[in-house]
PDB file of N, CA and C in Angstrom:
ATOM      1  N   ALA A   1       9.612   3.133 -12.473  1.00  0.00           N
ATOM      2  CA  ALA A   1      10.606   3.065 -13.516  1.00  0.00           C
ATOM      3  C   ALA A   1      11.881   2.361 -13.033  1.00  0.00           C
ATOM      4  N   LEU A   2      12.095   2.340 -11.705  1.00  0.00           N
ATOM      5  CA  LEU A   2      13.279   1.642 -11.191  1.00  0.00           C
ATOM      6  C   LEU A   2      13.132   0.125 -11.320  1.00  0.00           C
ATOM      7  N   GLY A   3      11.941  -0.332 -11.639  1.00  0.00           N
ATOM      8  CA  GLY A   3      11.711  -1.763 -11.793  1.00  0.00           C
ATOM      9  C   GLY A   3      11.498  -2.177 -13.234  1.00  0.00           C
ATOM     10  N   ASP A   4      11.904  -1.345 -14.181  1.00  0.00           N
ATOM     11  CA  ASP A   4      11.712  -1.651 -15.597  1.00  0.00           C
ATOM     12  C   ASP A   4      12.859  -2.533 -16.091  1.00  0.00           C
ATOM     13  N   TYR A   5      12.517  -3.773 -16.444  1.00  0.00           N
ATOM     14  CA  TYR A   5      13.520  -4.715 -16.951  1.00  0.00           C
ATOM     15  C   TYR A   5      13.159  -5.164 -18.358  1.00  0.00           C
ATOM     16  N   SER A   6      12.626  -4.243 -19.155  1.00  0.00           N
ATOM     17  CA  SER A   6      12.192  -4.549 -20.518  1.00  0.00           C
ATOM     18  C   SER A   6      13.376  -4.897 -21.414  1.00  0.00           C
ATOM     19  N   VAL A   7      13.133  -5.866 -22.297  1.00  0.00           N
ATOM     20  CA  VAL A   7      14.137  -6.283 -23.282  1.00  0.00           C
ATOM     21  C   VAL A   7      13.426  -6.379 -24.624  1.00  0.00           C
ATOM     22  N   ASP A   8      14.066  -5.866 -25.660  1.00  0.00           N
ATOM     23  CA  ASP A   8      13.533  -6.039 -27.007  1.00  0.00           C
ATOM     24  C   ASP A   8      14.688  -6.331 -27.950  1.00  0.00           C
ATOM     25  N   ASN A   9      14.492  -6.138 -29.254  1.00  0.00           N
ATOM     26  CA  ASN A   9      15.536  -6.461 -30.224  1.00  0.00           C
ATOM     27  C   ASN A   9      16.785  -5.592 -30.073  1.00  0.00           C
ATOM     28  N   ARG A  10      16.682  -4.473 -29.341  1.00  0.00           N
ATOM     29  CA  ARG A  10      17.844  -3.608 -29.100  1.00  0.00           C
ATOM     30  C   ARG A  10      18.613  -4.021 -27.849  1.00  0.00           C
ATOM     31  N   GLY A  11      18.057  -4.964 -27.109  1.00  0.00           N
ATOM     32  CA  GLY A  11      18.724  -5.423 -25.889  1.00  0.00           C
ATOM     33  C   GLY A  11      17.971  -4.968 -24.649  1.00  0.00           C
ATOM     34  N   ASP A  12      18.717  -4.713 -23.605  1.00  0.00           N
ATOM     35  CA  ASP A  12      18.145  -4.347 -22.312  1.00  0.00           C
ATOM     36  C   ASP A  12      17.765  -2.867 -22.295  1.00  0.00           C
ATOM     37  N   VAL A  13      16.611  -2.549 -22.864  1.00  0.00           N
ATOM     38  CA  VAL A  13      16.173  -1.152 -22.898  1.00  0.00           C
ATOM     39  C   VAL A  13      15.717  -0.688 -21.519  1.00  0.00           C
ATOM     40  N   GLY A  14      15.350  -1.617 -20.668  1.00  0.00           N
ATOM     41  CA  GLY A  14      14.948  -1.270 -19.313  1.00  0.00           C
ATOM     42  C   GLY A  14      16.075  -0.613 -18.534  1.00  0.00           C
ATOM     43  N   SER A  15      17.319  -0.965 -18.855  1.00  0.00           N
ATOM     44  CA  SER A  15      18.454  -0.355 -18.157  1.00  0.00           C
ATOM     45  C   SER A  15      18.557   1.134 -18.475  1.00  0.00           C
ATOM     46  N   TRP A  16      18.156   1.522 -19.684  1.00  0.00           N
ATOM     47  CA  TRP A  16      18.165   2.954 -20.029  1.00  0.00           C
ATOM     48  C   TRP A  16      17.118   3.685 -19.184  1.00  0.00           C
ATOM     49  N   VAL A  17      15.972   3.056 -19.035  1.00  0.00           N
ATOM     50  CA  VAL A  17      14.897   3.649 -18.242  1.00  0.00           C
ATOM     51  C   VAL A  17      15.324   3.743 -16.775  1.00  0.00           C
ATOM     52  N   ARG A  18      15.919   2.660 -16.252  1.00  0.00           N
ATOM     53  CA  ARG A  18      16.361   2.664 -14.854  1.00  0.00           C
ATOM     54  C   ARG A  18      17.435   3.716 -14.614  1.00  0.00           C
ATOM     55  N   GLU A  19      18.351   3.881 -15.557  1.00  0.00           N
ATOM     56  CA  GLU A  19      19.404   4.895 -15.413  1.00  0.00           C
ATOM     57  C   GLU A  19      18.798   6.292 -15.311  1.00  0.00           C
ATOM     58  N   THR A  20      17.866   6.588 -16.198  1.00  0.00           N
ATOM     59  CA  THR A  20      17.218   7.895 -16.177  1.00  0.00           C
ATOM     60  C   THR A  20      16.383   8.061 -14.909  1.00  0.00           C
ATOM     61  N   ALA A  21      15.719   7.002 -14.493  1.00  0.00           N
ATOM     62  CA  ALA A  21      14.897   7.061 -13.279  1.00  0.00           C
ATOM     63  C   ALA A  21      15.750   7.317 -12.042  1.00  0.00           C
ATOM     64  N   ILE A  22      16.923   6.726 -11.975  1.00  0.00           N
ATOM     65  CA  ILE A  22      17.824   6.935 -10.837  1.00  0.00           C
ATOM     66  C   ILE A  22      18.202   8.409 -10.749  1.00  0.00           C
ATOM     67  N   ILE A  23      18.613   8.964 -11.863  1.00  0.00           N
ATOM     68  CA  ILE A  23      19.032  10.371 -11.890  1.00  0.00           C
ATOM     69  C   ILE A  23      17.859  11.288 -11.545  1.00  0.00           C
ATOM     70  N   CYS A  24      16.740  11.078 -12.207  1.00  0.00           N
ATOM     71  CA  CYS A  24      15.585  11.965 -12.011  1.00  0.00           C
ATOM     72  C   CYS A  24      14.976  11.823 -10.623  1.00  0.00           C
ATOM     73  N   SER A  25      14.929  10.620 -10.090  1.00  0.00           N
ATOM     74  CA  SER A  25      14.303  10.434  -8.782  1.00  0.00           C
ATOM     75  C   SER A  25      15.087  11.134  -7.684  1.00  0.00           C
ATOM     76  N   GLY A  26      16.400  11.136  -7.794  1.00  0.00           N
ATOM     77  CA  GLY A  26      17.212  11.851  -6.812  1.00  0.00           C
ATOM     78  C   GLY A  26      16.960  13.345  -6.851  1.00  0.00           C
ATOM     79  N   LYS A  27      16.943  13.887  -8.046  1.00  0.00           N
ATOM     80  CA  LYS A  27      16.684  15.326  -8.194  1.00  0.00           C
ATOM     81  C   LYS A  27      15.265  15.677  -7.745  1.00  0.00           C
ATOM     82  N   LEU A  28      14.321  14.850  -8.136  1.00  0.00           N
ATOM     83  CA  LEU A  28      12.925  15.106  -7.791  1.00  0.00           C
ATOM     84  C   LEU A  28      12.705  15.029  -6.278  1.00  0.00           C
ATOM     85  N   ALA A  29      13.345  14.082  -5.615  1.00  0.00           N
ATOM     86  CA  ALA A  29      13.201  13.962  -4.160  1.00  0.00           C
ATOM     87  C   ALA A  29      13.675  15.232  -3.466  1.00  0.00           C
ATOM     88  N   LEU A  30      14.810  15.757  -3.898  1.00  0.00           N
ATOM     89  CA  LEU A  30      15.307  16.993  -3.292  1.00  0.00           C
ATOM     90  C   LEU A  30      14.387  18.168  -3.561  1.00  0.00           C
ATOM     91  N   LEU A  31      13.913  18.290  -4.793  1.00  0.00           N
ATOM     92  CA  LEU A  31      13.018  19.400  -5.134  1.00  0.00           C
ATOM     93  C   LEU A  31      11.712  19.330  -4.339  1.00  0.00           C
ATOM     94  N   LEU A  32      11.128  18.149  -4.249  1.00  0.00           N
ATOM     95  CA  LEU A  32       9.866  18.016  -3.527  1.00  0.00           C
ATOM     96  C   LEU A  32      10.047  18.218  -2.029  1.00  0.00           C
ATOM     97  N   SER A  33      11.154  17.752  -1.508  1.00  0.00           N
ATOM     98  CA  SER A  33      11.426  17.948  -0.083  1.00  0.00           C
ATOM     99  C   SER A  33      11.600  19.423   0.234  1.00  0.00           C
ATOM    100  N   ARG A  34      12.289  20.143  -0.625  1.00  0.00           N
ATOM    101  CA  ARG A  34      12.466  21.590  -0.422  1.00  0.00           C
ATOM    102  C   ARG A  34      11.141  22.330  -0.579  1.00  0.00           C
ATOM    103  N   LYS A  35      10.290  21.862  -1.486  1.00  0.00           N
ATOM    104  CA  LYS A  35       8.957  22.452  -1.650  1.00  0.00           C
ATOM    105  C   LYS A  35       8.155  22.274  -0.360  1.00  0.00           C
ATOM    106  N   ASP A  36       8.258  21.088   0.248  1.00  0.00           N
ATOM    107  CA  ASP A  36       7.567  20.834   1.512  1.00  0.00           C
ATOM    108  C   ASP A  36       8.070  21.759   2.618  1.00  0.00           C
ATOM    109  N   GLU A  37       9.380  22.008   2.645  1.00  0.00           N
ATOM    110  CA  GLU A  37       9.945  22.900   3.665  1.00  0.00           C
ATOM    111  C   GLU A  37       9.428  24.329   3.484  1.00  0.00           C
ATOM    112  N   GLN A  38       9.327  24.778   2.244  1.00  0.00           N
ATOM    113  CA  GLN A  38       8.849  26.136   1.972  1.00  0.00           C
ATOM    114  C   GLN A  38       7.378  26.288   2.333  1.00  0.00           C
ATOM    115  N   ASP A  39       6.618  25.232   2.134  1.00  0.00           N
ATOM    116  CA  ASP A  39       5.184  25.271   2.401  1.00  0.00           C
ATOM    117  C   ASP A  39       4.874  24.468   3.667  1.00  0.00           C
ATOM    118  N   SER A  40       5.554  24.801   4.741  1.00  0.00           N
ATOM    119  CA  SER A  40       5.440  24.025   5.977  1.00  0.00           C
ATOM    120  C   SER A  40       4.088  24.177   6.659  1.00  0.00           C
ATOM    121  N   SER A  41       3.291  25.162   6.257  1.00  0.00           N
ATOM    122  CA  SER A  41       1.981  25.365   6.879  1.00  0.00           C
ATOM    123  C   SER A  41       0.968  24.303   6.446  1.00  0.00           C
ATOM    124  N   SER A  42       1.206  23.668   5.330  1.00  0.00           N
ATOM    125  CA  SER A  42       0.275  22.673   4.801  1.00  0.00           C
ATOM    126  C   SER A  42       0.562  21.294   5.380  1.00  0.00           C
ATOM    127  N   ASP A  43      -0.502  20.547   5.654  1.00  0.00           N
ATOM    128  CA  ASP A  43      -0.341  19.166   6.125  1.00  0.00           C
ATOM    129  C   ASP A  43      -0.075  18.211   4.972  1.00  0.00           C
ATOM    130  N   ASP A  44      -0.441  18.598   3.769  1.00  0.00           N
ATOM    131  CA  ASP A  44      -0.202  17.766   2.594  1.00  0.00           C
ATOM    132  C   ASP A  44       1.244  17.916   2.164  1.00  0.00           C
ATOM    133  N   LYS A  45       1.945  16.803   2.113  1.00  0.00           N
ATOM    134  CA  LYS A  45       3.351  16.804   1.732  1.00  0.00           C
ATOM    135  C   LYS A  45       3.502  16.240   0.332  1.00  0.00           C
ATOM    136  N   TRP A  46       4.412  16.818  -0.419  1.00  0.00           N
ATOM    137  CA  TRP A  46       4.739  16.306  -1.749  1.00  0.00           C
ATOM    138  C   TRP A  46       5.619  15.078  -1.642  1.00  0.00           C
ATOM    139  N   PHE A  47       6.585  15.128  -0.726  1.00  0.00           N
ATOM    140  CA  PHE A  47       7.514  14.009  -0.546  1.00  0.00           C
ATOM    141  C   PHE A  47       7.224  13.377   0.808  1.00  0.00           C
ATOM    142  N   THR A  48       6.442  12.316   0.796  1.00  0.00           N
ATOM    143  CA  THR A  48       6.002  11.665   2.022  1.00  0.00           C
ATOM    144  C   THR A  48       7.031  10.642   2.494  1.00  0.00           C
ATOM    145  N   GLU A  49       6.798  10.127   3.680  1.00  0.00           N
ATOM    146  CA  GLU A  49       7.681   9.085   4.206  1.00  0.00           C
ATOM    147  C   GLU A  49       7.632   7.852   3.309  1.00  0.00           C
ATOM    148  N   LYS A  50       6.442   7.529   2.800  1.00  0.00           N
ATOM    149  CA  LYS A  50       6.318   6.383   1.892  1.00  0.00           C
ATOM    150  C   LYS A  50       7.141   6.602   0.629  1.00  0.00           C
ATOM    151  N   ASN A  51       7.127   7.826   0.099  1.00  0.00           N
ATOM    152  CA  ASN A  51       7.955   8.129  -1.072  1.00  0.00           C
ATOM    153  C   ASN A  51       9.427   7.902  -0.752  1.00  0.00           C
ATOM    154  N   GLY A  52       9.847   8.345   0.432  1.00  0.00           N
ATOM    155  CA  GLY A  52      11.230   8.167   0.848  1.00  0.00           C
ATOM    156  C   GLY A  52      11.600   6.699   0.968  1.00  0.00           C
ATOM    157  N   ILE A  53      10.696   5.917   1.551  1.00  0.00           N
ATOM    158  CA  ILE A  53      10.938   4.475   1.701  1.00  0.00           C
ATOM    159  C   ILE A  53      11.052   3.817   0.331  1.00  0.00           C
ATOM    160  N   ASP A  54      10.103   4.117  -0.550  1.00  0.00           N
ATOM    161  CA  ASP A  54      10.122   3.526  -1.893  1.00  0.00           C
ATOM    162  C   ASP A  54      11.387   3.907  -2.655  1.00  0.00           C
ATOM    163  N   LEU A  55      11.792   5.153  -2.542  1.00  0.00           N
ATOM    164  CA  LEU A  55      12.990   5.616  -3.243  1.00  0.00           C
ATOM    165  C   LEU A  55      14.238   4.926  -2.711  1.00  0.00           C
ATOM    166  N   VAL A  56      14.383   4.886  -1.401  1.00  0.00           N
ATOM    167  CA  VAL A  56      15.567   4.255  -0.805  1.00  0.00           C
ATOM    168  C   VAL A  56      15.603   2.772  -1.156  1.00  0.00           C
ATOM    169  N   CYS A  57      14.468   2.093  -1.056  1.00  0.00           N
ATOM    170  CA  CYS A  57      14.427   0.665  -1.402  1.00  0.00           C
ATOM    171  C   CYS A  57      14.768   0.430  -2.871  1.00  0.00           C
ATOM    172  N   GLY A  58      14.233   1.273  -3.748  1.00  0.00           N
ATOM    173  CA  GLY A  58      14.530   1.141  -5.175  1.00  0.00           C
ATOM    174  C   GLY A  58      16.000   1.378  -5.485  1.00  0.00           C
ATOM    175  N   LEU A  59      16.584   2.378  -4.845  1.00  0.00           N
ATOM    176  CA  LEU A  59      18.004   2.656  -5.066  1.00  0.00           C
ATOM    177  C   LEU A  59      18.875   1.542  -4.501  1.00  0.00           C
ATOM    178  N   LEU A  60      18.514   1.029  -3.334  1.00  0.00           N
ATOM    179  CA  LEU A  60      19.285  -0.078  -2.759  1.00  0.00           C
ATOM    180  C   LEU A  60      19.221  -1.314  -3.649  1.00  0.00           C
ATOM    181  N   LYS A  61      18.058  -1.562  -4.228  1.00  0.00           N
ATOM    182  CA  LYS A  61      17.931  -2.700  -5.146  1.00  0.00           C
ATOM    183  C   LYS A  61      18.858  -2.526  -6.347  1.00  0.00           C
ATOM    184  N   GLN A  62      18.915  -1.313  -6.885  1.00  0.00           N
ATOM    185  CA  GLN A  62      19.785  -1.066  -8.033  1.00  0.00           C
ATOM    186  C   GLN A  62      21.262  -1.186  -7.654  1.00  0.00           C
ATOM    187  N   CYS A  63      21.582  -0.951  -6.394  1.00  0.00           N
ATOM    188  CA  CYS A  63      22.975  -1.058  -5.933  1.00  0.00           C
ATOM    189  C   CYS A  63      23.502  -2.485  -5.957  1.00  0.00           C
ATOM    190  N   VAL A  64      22.605  -3.471  -6.028  1.00  0.00           N
ATOM    191  CA  VAL A  64      23.044  -4.863  -6.034  1.00  0.00           C
ATOM    192  C   VAL A  64      22.707  -5.576  -7.344  1.00  0.00           C
ATOM    193  N   GLU A  65      22.333  -4.840  -8.357  1.00  0.00           N
ATOM    194  CA  GLU A  65      22.032  -5.433  -9.657  1.00  0.00           C
ATOM    195  C   GLU A  65      23.325  -5.742 -10.419  1.00  0.00           C
ATOM    196  N   LYS A  66      23.189  -6.373 -11.573  1.00  0.00           N
ATOM    197  CA  LYS A  66      24.344  -6.817 -12.354  1.00  0.00           C
ATOM    198  C   LYS A  66      25.123  -5.699 -13.032  1.00  0.00           C
ATOM    199  N   ILE A  67      24.439  -4.687 -13.502  1.00  0.00           N
ATOM    200  CA  ILE A  67      25.082  -3.662 -14.333  1.00  0.00           C
ATOM    201  C   ILE A  67      25.853  -2.687 -13.453  1.00  0.00           C
ATOM    202  N   ASP A  68      27.167  -2.698 -13.596  1.00  0.00           N
ATOM    203  CA  ASP A  68      28.043  -1.884 -12.744  1.00  0.00           C
ATOM    204  C   ASP A  68      27.746  -0.394 -12.839  1.00  0.00           C
ATOM    205  N   LYS A  69      27.456   0.067 -14.039  1.00  0.00           N
ATOM    206  CA  LYS A  69      27.175   1.494 -14.239  1.00  0.00           C
ATOM    207  C   LYS A  69      25.971   1.919 -13.390  1.00  0.00           C
ATOM    208  N   LEU A  70      24.930   1.081 -13.360  1.00  0.00           N
ATOM    209  CA  LEU A  70      23.736   1.412 -12.578  1.00  0.00           C
ATOM    210  C   LEU A  70      23.998   1.275 -11.081  1.00  0.00           C
ATOM    211  N   LYS A  71      24.814   0.306 -10.699  1.00  0.00           N
ATOM    212  CA  LYS A  71      25.181   0.156  -9.279  1.00  0.00           C
ATOM    213  C   LYS A  71      25.862   1.419  -8.776  1.00  0.00           C
ATOM    214  N   GLN A  72      26.827   1.881  -9.537  1.00  0.00           N
ATOM    215  CA  GLN A  72      27.597   3.061  -9.136  1.00  0.00           C
ATOM    216  C   GLN A  72      26.710   4.297  -9.101  1.00  0.00           C
ATOM    217  N   LEU A  73      25.865   4.440 -10.082  1.00  0.00           N
ATOM    218  CA  LEU A  73      24.982   5.596 -10.155  1.00  0.00           C
ATOM    219  C   LEU A  73      23.976   5.589  -8.994  1.00  0.00           C
ATOM    220  N   ALA A  74      23.377   4.445  -8.731  1.00  0.00           N
ATOM    221  CA  ALA A  74      22.402   4.340  -7.636  1.00  0.00           C
ATOM    222  C   ALA A  74      23.073   4.607  -6.290  1.00  0.00           C
ATOM    223  N   GLY A  75      24.271   4.080  -6.103  1.00  0.00           N
ATOM    224  CA  GLY A  75      24.996   4.327  -4.861  1.00  0.00           C
ATOM    225  C   GLY A  75      25.347   5.792  -4.686  1.00  0.00           C
ATOM    226  N   SER A  76      25.730   6.436  -5.766  1.00  0.00           N
ATOM    227  CA  SER A  76      26.065   7.860  -5.714  1.00  0.00           C
ATOM    228  C   SER A  76      24.842   8.705  -5.376  1.00  0.00           C
ATOM    229  N   VAL A  77      23.710   8.412  -6.008  1.00  0.00           N
ATOM    230  CA  VAL A  77      22.489   9.168  -5.743  1.00  0.00           C
ATOM    231  C   VAL A  77      22.020   8.922  -4.313  1.00  0.00           C
ATOM    232  N   LEU A  78      22.103   7.682  -3.856  1.00  0.00           N
ATOM    233  CA  LEU A  78      21.702   7.359  -2.483  1.00  0.00           C
ATOM    234  C   LEU A  78      22.574   8.102  -1.480  1.00  0.00           C
ATOM    235  N   ALA A  79      23.873   8.080  -1.695  1.00  0.00           N
ATOM    236  CA  ALA A  79      24.779   8.798  -0.793  1.00  0.00           C
ATOM    237  C   ALA A  79      24.502  10.299  -0.836  1.00  0.00           C
ATOM    238  N   TYR A  80      24.266  10.825  -2.013  1.00  0.00           N
ATOM    239  CA  TYR A  80      23.970  12.255  -2.147  1.00  0.00           C
ATOM    240  C   TYR A  80      22.715  12.620  -1.369  1.00  0.00           C
ATOM    241  N   LEU A  81      21.663  11.795  -1.490  1.00  0.00           N
ATOM    242  CA  LEU A  81      20.416  12.067  -0.782  1.00  0.00           C
ATOM    243  C   LEU A  81      20.584  11.957   0.727  1.00  0.00           C
ATOM    244  N   LEU A  82      21.311  10.953   1.164  1.00  0.00           N
ATOM    245  CA  LEU A  82      21.468  10.740   2.597  1.00  0.00           C
ATOM    246  C   LEU A  82      22.312  11.819   3.257  1.00  0.00           C
ATOM    247  N   TYR A  83      23.246  12.387   2.505  1.00  0.00           N
ATOM    248  CA  TYR A  83      24.115  13.400   3.076  1.00  0.00           C
ATOM    249  C   TYR A  83      23.858  14.790   2.504  1.00  0.00           C
ATOM    250  N   ALA A  84      22.702  14.942   1.853  1.00  0.00           N
ATOM    251  CA  ALA A  84      22.327  16.248   1.313  1.00  0.00           C
ATOM    252  C   ALA A  84      22.096  17.203   2.471  1.00  0.00           C
ATOM    253  N   ASN A  85      22.212  18.446   2.193  1.00  0.00           N
ATOM    254  CA  ASN A  85      22.007  19.467   3.218  1.00  0.00           C
ATOM    255  C   ASN A  85      20.509  19.786   3.322  1.00  0.00           C
ATOM    256  N   ASP A  86      19.726  18.743   3.535  1.00  0.00           N
ATOM    257  CA  ASP A  86      18.274  18.858   3.592  1.00  0.00           C
ATOM    258  C   ASP A  86      17.795  18.034   4.776  1.00  0.00           C
ATOM    259  N   SER A  87      17.514  18.695   5.878  1.00  0.00           N
ATOM    260  CA  SER A  87      17.248  17.989   7.127  1.00  0.00           C
ATOM    261  C   SER A  87      16.023  17.084   7.049  1.00  0.00           C
ATOM    262  N   ASP A  88      14.927  17.539   6.436  1.00  0.00           N
ATOM    263  CA  ASP A  88      13.730  16.702   6.365  1.00  0.00           C
ATOM    264  C   ASP A  88      13.963  15.455   5.536  1.00  0.00           C
ATOM    265  N   LEU A  89      14.618  15.612   4.404  1.00  0.00           N
ATOM    266  CA  LEU A  89      14.891  14.468   3.546  1.00  0.00           C
ATOM    267  C   LEU A  89      15.801  13.483   4.259  1.00  0.00           C
ATOM    268  N   MET A  90      16.822  13.991   4.924  1.00  0.00           N
ATOM    269  CA  MET A  90      17.746  13.120   5.648  1.00  0.00           C
ATOM    270  C   MET A  90      17.022  12.361   6.752  1.00  0.00           C
ATOM    271  N   LYS A  91      16.148  13.039   7.465  1.00  0.00           N
ATOM    272  CA  LYS A  91      15.415  12.385   8.547  1.00  0.00           C
ATOM    273  C   LYS A  91      14.570  11.246   8.004  1.00  0.00           C
ATOM    274  N   ARG A  92      13.859  11.494   6.916  1.00  0.00           N
ATOM    275  CA  ARG A  92      12.988  10.457   6.355  1.00  0.00           C
ATOM    276  C   ARG A  92      13.795   9.242   5.894  1.00  0.00           C
ATOM    277  N   CYS A  93      14.852   9.483   5.156  1.00  0.00           N
ATOM    278  CA  CYS A  93      15.636   8.379   4.600  1.00  0.00           C
ATOM    279  C   CYS A  93      16.433   7.647   5.669  1.00  0.00           C
ATOM    280  N   LYS A  94      17.147   8.365   6.512  1.00  0.00           N
ATOM    281  CA  LYS A  94      17.988   7.721   7.511  1.00  0.00           C
ATOM    282  C   LYS A  94      17.171   6.992   8.562  1.00  0.00           C
ATOM    283  N   ALA A  95      16.083   7.583   9.008  1.00  0.00           N
ATOM    284  CA  ALA A  95      15.267   6.943  10.032  1.00  0.00           C
ATOM    285  C   ALA A  95      14.720   5.623   9.511  1.00  0.00           C
ATOM    286  N   ASP A  96      14.299   5.604   8.256  1.00  0.00           N
ATOM    287  CA  ASP A  96      13.741   4.385   7.696  1.00  0.00           C
ATOM    288  C   ASP A  96      14.804   3.304   7.558  1.00  0.00           C
ATOM    289  N   ILE A  97      15.981   3.672   7.089  1.00  0.00           N
ATOM    290  CA  ILE A  97      17.045   2.691   6.938  1.00  0.00           C
ATOM    291  C   ILE A  97      17.445   2.119   8.298  1.00  0.00           C
ATOM    292  N   ALA A  98      17.596   2.979   9.294  1.00  0.00           N
ATOM    293  CA  ALA A  98      17.976   2.525  10.625  1.00  0.00           C
ATOM    294  C   ALA A  98      16.908   1.599  11.203  1.00  0.00           C
ATOM    295  N   LEU A  99      15.650   1.970  11.054  1.00  0.00           N
ATOM    296  CA  LEU A  99      14.559   1.167  11.595  1.00  0.00           C
ATOM    297  C   LEU A  99      14.501  -0.190  10.908  1.00  0.00           C
ATOM    298  N   ARG A 100      14.554  -0.201   9.596  1.00  0.00           N
ATOM    299  CA  ARG A 100      14.476  -1.464   8.863  1.00  0.00           C
ATOM    300  C   ARG A 100      15.689  -2.348   9.150  1.00  0.00           C
ATOM    301  N   SER A 101      16.863  -1.758   9.269  1.00  0.00           N
ATOM    302  CA  SER A 101      18.059  -2.533   9.572  1.00  0.00           C
ATOM    303  C   SER A 101      17.936  -3.174  10.945  1.00  0.00           C
ATOM    304  N   LYS A 102      17.461  -2.415  11.902  1.00  0.00           N
ATOM    305  CA  LYS A 102      17.306  -2.931  13.257  1.00  0.00           C
ATOM    306  C   LYS A 102      16.282  -4.065  13.284  1.00  0.00           C
ATOM    307  N   GLN A 103      15.162  -3.901  12.580  1.00  0.00           N
ATOM    308  CA  GLN A 103      14.138  -4.938  12.535  1.00  0.00           C
ATOM    309  C   GLN A 103      14.678  -6.199  11.873  1.00  0.00           C
ATOM    310  N   LYS A 104      15.409  -6.039  10.779  1.00  0.00           N
ATOM    311  CA  LYS A 104      15.955  -7.183  10.054  1.00  0.00           C
ATOM    312  C   LYS A 104      16.960  -7.924  10.917  1.00  0.00           C
ATOM    313  N   ILE A 105      17.836  -7.188  11.573  1.00  0.00           N
ATOM    314  CA  ILE A 105      18.845  -7.823  12.415  1.00  0.00           C
ATOM    315  C   ILE A 105      18.193  -8.544  13.578  1.00  0.00           C
ATOM    316  N   SER A 106      17.208  -7.929  14.209  1.00  0.00           N
ATOM    317  CA  SER A 106      16.570  -8.566  15.361  1.00  0.00           C
ATOM    318  C   SER A 106      15.799  -9.824  14.954  1.00  0.00           C
ATOM    319  N   LYS A 107      15.269  -9.875  13.730  1.00  0.00           N
ATOM    320  CA  LYS A 107      14.575 -11.065  13.261  1.00  0.00           C
ATOM    321  C   LYS A 107      15.550 -12.198  12.949  1.00  0.00           C
ATOM    322  N   ASP A 108      16.758 -11.847  12.481  1.00  0.00           N
ATOM    323  CA  ASP A 108      17.723 -12.858  12.063  1.00  0.00           C
ATOM    324  C   ASP A 108      18.510 -13.457  13.219  1.00  0.00           C
ATOM    325  N   ILE A 109      18.614 -12.732  14.328  1.00  0.00           N
ATOM    326  CA  ILE A 109      19.418 -13.197  15.443  1.00  0.00           C
ATOM    327  C   ILE A 109      18.516 -13.872  16.466  1.00  0.00           C
ATOM    328  N   HIS A 110      18.848 -15.100  16.757  1.00  0.00           N
ATOM    329  CA  HIS A 110      18.095 -15.867  17.758  1.00  0.00           C
ATOM    330  C   HIS A 110      19.015 -16.154  18.928  1.00  0.00           C
ATOM    331  N   TYR A 111      18.610 -15.726  20.110  1.00  0.00           N
ATOM    332  CA  TYR A 111      19.441 -15.920  21.293  1.00  0.00           C
ATOM    333  C   TYR A 111      19.103 -17.200  21.986  1.00  0.00           C
TER     334      TYR A 111
END
């Protein structure tokens, strides 16, 4: 839903979908991460590392889009998730951002 750019006679209806997806995905990530913490005996996770990567990438993409309202909302949700009082969620999101940033920087810099 973070990639919905639908347009019809009412205009950019995809922005309504993206706005709702930003809000819901942040809440859902926290709920699923807390569910995983409560059920730590199971190897099956509700909120996987791939989910964390997809969510962070989707929110970062929205942070650089044209619509200011969505930029601000995506940035707020991203900051909330990264600094939430949820250690597993923070580890998944921060580790991925740090790793990807390091890989990107090392590819761009030629000595």
